[in-house]
């Protein structure tokens, strides 16, 4: 499974960005969750949002009401719409895909989000 991310960049505080992540190598019978983590300099990687198989979306408290995760029609793409961005949202954002059918987790290459104050 390979994950390819796009959409990071530089934005002013209060602005918006949309991240995309597309997975390849997933077969029809696979059951999987997809979502996003982020890691700021000097901090641990933290879970930001996810869309789990058959479940409700998860959002970290720090992004509730501002970030929204969604899946594409093909279900192998996950988006993260980030609104009202704050300087503390600046981080490298990593897409992940956990395959329940294989018990394996995969990561994207990461995309940098920079928020200027």
Protein backbone atom coordinates (compact mmCIF):
# COMPACT_ATOMS: atom_id res chain seq x y z
CA UNK A 1 0.00 0.00 0.00
CA UNK A 2 1.29 3.44 -0.90
CA UNK A 3 -0.10 6.76 0.24
CA UNK A 4 0.49 9.98 -1.67
CA UNK A 5 -0.33 13.28 -0.02
CA UNK A 6 -0.75 16.76 -1.40
CA UNK A 7 -2.09 20.15 -0.42
CA UNK A 8 0.26 21.47 2.23
CA UNK A 9 1.77 24.93 2.08
CA UNK A 10 1.99 28.34 3.68
CA UNK A 11 -1.12 30.15 4.81
CA UNK A 12 -1.88 33.11 7.00
CA UNK A 13 -3.60 32.61 10.33
CA UNK A 14 -7.34 32.38 9.78
CA UNK A 15 -6.90 30.90 6.34
CA UNK A 16 -7.75 27.46 4.97
CA UNK A 17 -5.97 24.55 3.36
CA UNK A 18 -7.18 21.23 2.02
CA UNK A 19 -5.00 18.16 2.24
CA UNK A 20 -5.51 15.09 0.08
CA UNK A 21 -4.23 11.56 0.44
CA UNK A 22 -4.75 8.77 -2.06
CA UNK A 23 -4.01 5.14 -1.30
CA UNK A 24 -3.03 2.56 -3.87
CA UNK A 25 -2.63 -1.17 -3.41
CA UNK A 26 -5.85 -1.64 -1.46
CA UNK A 27 -7.94 -4.55 -2.66
CA UNK A 28 -11.70 -4.82 -2.81
CA UNK A 29 -11.95 -7.03 0.28
CA UNK A 30 -9.79 -4.86 2.52
CA UNK A 31 -11.30 -3.15 5.55
CA UNK A 32 -9.43 -0.03 6.50
CA UNK A 33 -9.41 3.26 8.32
CA UNK A 34 -7.81 6.41 6.97
CA UNK A 35 -6.93 9.64 8.64
CA UNK A 36 -4.33 12.19 9.60
CA UNK A 37 -1.67 12.73 12.22
CA UNK A 38 0.57 15.72 12.61
CA UNK A 39 3.94 16.36 14.18
CA UNK A 40 5.23 19.78 15.08
CA UNK A 41 8.89 20.45 15.78
CA UNK A 42 9.83 19.19 19.21
CA UNK A 43 6.46 17.51 19.78
CA UNK A 44 5.11 14.01 19.55
CA UNK A 45 3.03 12.91 16.61
CA UNK A 46 -0.63 13.38 17.42
CA UNK A 47 -3.80 12.11 15.81
CA UNK A 48 -5.78 14.89 14.20
CA UNK A 49 -8.70 13.27 12.41
CA UNK A 50 -9.83 9.97 11.01
CA UNK A 51 -12.65 8.28 9.21
CA UNK A 52 -12.94 4.74 10.45
CA UNK A 53 -14.62 1.91 8.65
CA UNK A 54 -18.33 2.23 9.37
CA UNK A 55 -17.78 4.66 12.23
CA UNK A 56 -18.12 8.35 12.92
CA UNK A 57 -15.26 10.71 12.17
CA UNK A 58 -12.79 11.36 14.96
CA UNK A 59 -11.33 14.79 15.65
CA UNK A 60 -8.78 15.91 18.19
CA UNK A 61 -10.21 18.45 20.61
CA UNK A 62 -7.79 21.06 19.32
CA UNK A 63 -9.28 20.96 15.81
CA UNK A 64 -12.98 20.27 16.43
CA UNK A 65 -15.19 22.66 14.53
CA UNK A 66 -12.30 23.80 12.31
CA UNK A 67 -11.05 20.65 10.57
CA UNK A 68 -13.21 18.26 8.60
CA UNK A 69 -12.21 14.87 7.22
CA UNK A 70 -13.98 13.21 4.33
CA UNK A 71 -13.53 10.31 1.93
CA UNK A 72 -13.65 10.45 -1.82
CA UNK A 73 -16.19 8.46 -3.78
CA UNK A 74 -13.66 5.70 -4.36
CA UNK A 75 -13.06 5.54 -0.58
CA UNK A 76 -9.31 5.27 -1.15
CA UNK A 77 -8.86 9.02 -0.92
CA UNK A 78 -9.16 10.99 2.29
CA UNK A 79 -9.31 14.75 2.56
CA UNK A 80 -8.67 17.10 5.43
CA UNK A 81 -10.29 20.50 5.12
CA UNK A 82 -8.58 22.83 7.55
CA UNK A 83 -10.28 26.12 8.31
CA UNK A 84 -9.49 28.98 10.68
CA UNK A 85 -5.89 27.84 10.84
CA UNK A 86 -3.81 28.90 13.80
CA UNK A 87 -0.02 29.15 14.15
CA UNK A 88 -0.18 26.16 16.50
CA UNK A 89 -1.57 24.06 13.64
CA UNK A 90 1.77 24.31 11.85
CA UNK A 91 3.27 20.85 11.52
CA UNK A 92 4.06 18.07 9.11
CA UNK A 93 0.79 16.29 8.43
CA UNK A 94 0.91 12.56 7.78
CA UNK A 95 -1.82 10.53 6.21
CA UNK A 96 -2.25 6.98 7.48
CA UNK A 97 -4.16 3.92 6.41
CA UNK A 98 -4.73 1.05 8.82
CA UNK A 99 -5.75 -2.19 7.18
CA UNK A 100 -7.79 -4.30 9.57
CA UNK A 101 -7.72 -7.21 7.13
CA UNK A 102 -3.92 -7.33 7.22
CA UNK A 103 -3.21 -5.85 10.64
CA UNK A 104 -0.85 -3.33 9.07
CA UNK A 105 -0.52 0.45 9.19
CA UNK A 106 0.87 2.59 6.39
CA UNK A 107 2.04 6.20 6.33
CA UNK A 108 2.24 8.88 3.71
CA UNK A 109 5.41 10.88 3.16
CA UNK A 110 4.12 13.89 5.06
CA UNK A 111 3.21 17.36 3.88
CA UNK A 112 4.29 20.57 5.56
CA UNK A 113 1.69 23.05 6.77
CA UNK A 114 3.01 26.44 7.82
CA UNK A 115 0.76 29.07 9.37
CA UNK A 116 2.02 32.62 9.65
CA UNK A 117 0.68 34.92 12.36
